[in-house]
Amino acid sequence: MPKLFAMADKLCLHRYQTTESDAYTKCRGDQSVAIARLVQGLYALSDKPAFEALYKQCLIQGPDMAAGFPDFDDALNCIVAQVPEARKIFFSDEQQ
C-alpha cells in the first residue's frame, strides 16, 4: 500500500507542482481516501476478476494516465458510475 500512496503523491505533485498548495493537500486527501476505500472494498467483493478488469479500464481512462499518473479517486468514481451497486461496497461508511 505504501506504493499506492507514493503514486498518489506523484500525481498530485504533477498536477500542482508544489506540496505547499491547498490544491495539492486536497488532491492528496482525496487520493488517500480513494485508496483506502478501494483496498477496503476489495475484500468485500465476490467477483474480484471482474472488478480488476473494470478498475484497470477506469485507471487507463484517467486524465493523467497518459503521463503515467494513475488517479485513484477518478477511477473509484468511474467504477461507481458504471456499476452503481458498487457504491454500497466502496462507500459503506456514508449514509445511504
C-alpha atoms as a PDB file:
ATOM      1  CA  MET A   1       0.000   0.000   0.000  1.00  0.00           C
ATOM      2  CA  PRO A   2       2.855   2.474   0.513  1.00  0.00           C
ATOM      3  CA  LYS A   3       3.483   2.227  -3.229  1.00  0.00           C
ATOM      4  CA  LEU A   4      -0.089   3.388  -3.923  1.00  0.00           C
ATOM      5  CA  PHE A   5       0.327   6.400  -1.650  1.00  0.00           C
ATOM      6  CA  ALA A   6       3.638   7.243  -3.330  1.00  0.00           C
ATOM      7  CA  MET A   7       1.894   7.111  -6.708  1.00  0.00           C
ATOM      8  CA  ALA A   8      -0.806   9.444  -5.365  1.00  0.00           C
ATOM      9  CA  ASP A   9       1.877  11.869  -4.171  1.00  0.00           C
ATOM     10  CA  LYS A  10       3.407  11.901  -7.645  1.00  0.00           C
ATOM     11  CA  LEU A  11       0.021  12.527  -9.281  1.00  0.00           C
ATOM     12  CA  CYS A  12      -0.747  15.485  -7.026  1.00  0.00           C
ATOM     13  CA  LEU A  13       2.735  16.928  -7.451  1.00  0.00           C
ATOM     14  CA  HIS A  14       2.415  16.506 -11.225  1.00  0.00           C
ATOM     15  CA  ARG A  15      -0.856  18.436 -11.171  1.00  0.00           C
ATOM     16  CA  TYR A  16       0.032  21.211  -8.749  1.00  0.00           C
ATOM     17  CA  GLN A  17       3.858  21.421  -8.954  1.00  0.00           C
ATOM     18  CA  THR A  18       4.279  22.067  -5.221  1.00  0.00           C
ATOM     19  CA  THR A  19       3.421  20.323  -1.987  1.00  0.00           C
ATOM     20  CA  GLU A  20       2.749  23.687  -0.350  1.00  0.00           C
ATOM     21  CA  SER A  21      -0.573  24.481  -2.037  1.00  0.00           C
ATOM     22  CA  ASP A  22      -4.084  23.875  -0.748  1.00  0.00           C
ATOM     23  CA  ALA A  23      -4.909  22.199  -4.062  1.00  0.00           C
ATOM     24  CA  TYR A  24      -2.092  19.672  -3.541  1.00  0.00           C
ATOM     25  CA  THR A  25      -3.288  18.985   0.005  1.00  0.00           C
ATOM     26  CA  LYS A  26      -6.872  18.447  -1.185  1.00  0.00           C
ATOM     27  CA  CYS A  27      -5.685  16.210  -4.036  1.00  0.00           C
ATOM     28  CA  ARG A  28      -3.586  14.147  -1.639  1.00  0.00           C
ATOM     29  CA  GLY A  29      -6.506  13.799   0.774  1.00  0.00           C
ATOM     30  CA  ASP A  30      -8.902  12.747  -1.986  1.00  0.00           C
ATOM     31  CA  GLN A  31      -6.402  10.197  -3.286  1.00  0.00           C
ATOM     32  CA  SER A  32      -5.754   8.793   0.206  1.00  0.00           C
ATOM     33  CA  VAL A  33      -9.462   8.331   0.886  1.00  0.00           C
ATOM     34  CA  ALA A  34      -9.950   6.673  -2.513  1.00  0.00           C
ATOM     35  CA  ILE A  35      -7.041   4.280  -1.921  1.00  0.00           C
ATOM     36  CA  ALA A  36      -8.446   3.318   1.486  1.00  0.00           C
ATOM     37  CA  ARG A  37     -11.930   2.776   0.016  1.00  0.00           C
ATOM     38  CA  LEU A  38     -10.543   0.669  -2.837  1.00  0.00           C
ATOM     39  CA  VAL A  39      -8.432  -1.532  -0.570  1.00  0.00           C
ATOM     40  CA  GLN A  40     -11.221  -1.996   1.984  1.00  0.00           C
ATOM     41  CA  GLY A  41     -13.854  -2.605  -0.688  1.00  0.00           C
ATOM     42  CA  LEU A  42     -11.723  -5.144  -2.491  1.00  0.00           C
ATOM     43  CA  TYR A  43     -12.053  -7.504   0.468  1.00  0.00           C
ATOM     44  CA  ALA A  44     -15.857  -7.303   0.293  1.00  0.00           C
ATOM     45  CA  LEU A  45     -16.123  -8.147  -3.400  1.00  0.00           C
ATOM     46  CA  SER A  46     -17.176 -11.582  -4.540  1.00  0.00           C
ATOM     47  CA  ASP A  47     -16.076 -11.182  -8.177  1.00  0.00           C
ATOM     48  CA  LYS A  48     -12.554  -9.798  -7.911  1.00  0.00           C
ATOM     49  CA  PRO A  49     -11.512 -10.575 -11.524  1.00  0.00           C
ATOM     50  CA  ALA A  50     -14.444  -8.585 -12.930  1.00  0.00           C
ATOM     51  CA  PHE A  51     -13.649  -5.705 -10.585  1.00  0.00           C
ATOM     52  CA  GLU A  52      -9.967  -5.731 -11.522  1.00  0.00           C
ATOM     53  CA  ALA A  53     -10.799  -5.549 -15.233  1.00  0.00           C
ATOM     54  CA  LEU A  54     -13.156  -2.607 -14.711  1.00  0.00           C
ATOM     55  CA  TYR A  55     -10.694  -0.924 -12.346  1.00  0.00           C
ATOM     56  CA  LYS A  56      -7.872  -1.158 -14.893  1.00  0.00           C
ATOM     57  CA  GLN A  57     -10.153   0.196 -17.603  1.00  0.00           C
ATOM     58  CA  CYS A  58     -11.121   3.128 -15.375  1.00  0.00           C
ATOM     59  CA  LEU A  59      -7.488   3.828 -14.440  1.00  0.00           C
ATOM     60  CA  ILE A  60      -6.423   3.862 -18.091  1.00  0.00           C
ATOM     61  CA  GLN A  61      -9.120   6.415 -18.880  1.00  0.00           C
ATOM     62  CA  GLY A  62      -7.865   8.751 -16.138  1.00  0.00           C
ATOM     63  CA  PRO A  63      -6.962  12.303 -17.132  1.00  0.00           C
ATOM     64  CA  ASP A  64      -3.278  11.998 -16.157  1.00  0.00           C
ATOM     65  CA  MET A  65      -2.672   8.369 -17.078  1.00  0.00           C
ATOM     66  CA  ALA A  66      -1.078   9.253 -20.411  1.00  0.00           C
ATOM     67  CA  ALA A  67       1.682  10.906 -18.378  1.00  0.00           C
ATOM     68  CA  GLY A  68       1.904   7.800 -16.172  1.00  0.00           C
ATOM     69  CA  PHE A  69      -0.004   9.102 -13.156  1.00  0.00           C
ATOM     70  CA  PRO A  70      -2.984   6.989 -12.014  1.00  0.00           C
ATOM     71  CA  ASP A  71      -5.860   8.859 -10.386  1.00  0.00           C
ATOM     72  CA  PHE A  72      -7.386   6.548  -7.782  1.00  0.00           C
ATOM     73  CA  ASP A  73     -10.214   8.934  -6.892  1.00  0.00           C
ATOM     74  CA  ASP A  74     -11.227   9.279 -10.535  1.00  0.00           C
ATOM     75  CA  ALA A  75     -11.036   5.500 -11.020  1.00  0.00           C
ATOM     76  CA  LEU A  76     -13.244   4.867  -7.987  1.00  0.00           C
ATOM     77  CA  ASN A  77     -15.832   7.346  -9.248  1.00  0.00           C
ATOM     78  CA  CYS A  78     -15.674   5.699 -12.688  1.00  0.00           C
ATOM     79  CA  ILE A  79     -16.370   2.280 -11.147  1.00  0.00           C
ATOM     80  CA  VAL A  80     -19.351   3.566  -9.173  1.00  0.00           C
ATOM     81  CA  ALA A  81     -20.705   5.358 -12.254  1.00  0.00           C
ATOM     82  CA  GLN A  82     -20.568   2.135 -14.284  1.00  0.00           C
ATOM     83  CA  VAL A  83     -21.751  -0.186 -11.509  1.00  0.00           C
ATOM     84  CA  PRO A  84     -23.997   1.815  -9.146  1.00  0.00           C
ATOM     85  CA  GLU A  85     -24.333  -1.140  -6.745  1.00  0.00           C
ATOM     86  CA  ALA A  86     -20.610  -0.785  -6.045  1.00  0.00           C
ATOM     87  CA  ARG A  87     -21.342   2.398  -4.073  1.00  0.00           C
ATOM     88  CA  LYS A  88     -22.651   0.213  -1.221  1.00  0.00           C
ATOM     89  CA  ILE A  89     -19.294  -1.550  -1.036  1.00  0.00           C
ATOM     90  CA  PHE A  90     -16.858   1.307  -1.551  1.00  0.00           C
ATOM     91  CA  PHE A  91     -18.828   3.985   0.289  1.00  0.00           C
ATOM     92  CA  SER A  92     -20.232   1.832   3.090  1.00  0.00           C
ATOM     93  CA  ASP A  93     -19.223   4.450   5.662  1.00  0.00           C
ATOM     94  CA  GLU A  94     -21.536   7.054   4.117  1.00  0.00           C
ATOM     95  CA  GLN A  95     -25.205   7.138   4.994  1.00  0.00           C
ATOM     96  CA  GLN A  96     -27.331   5.820   2.185  1.00  0.00           C
END
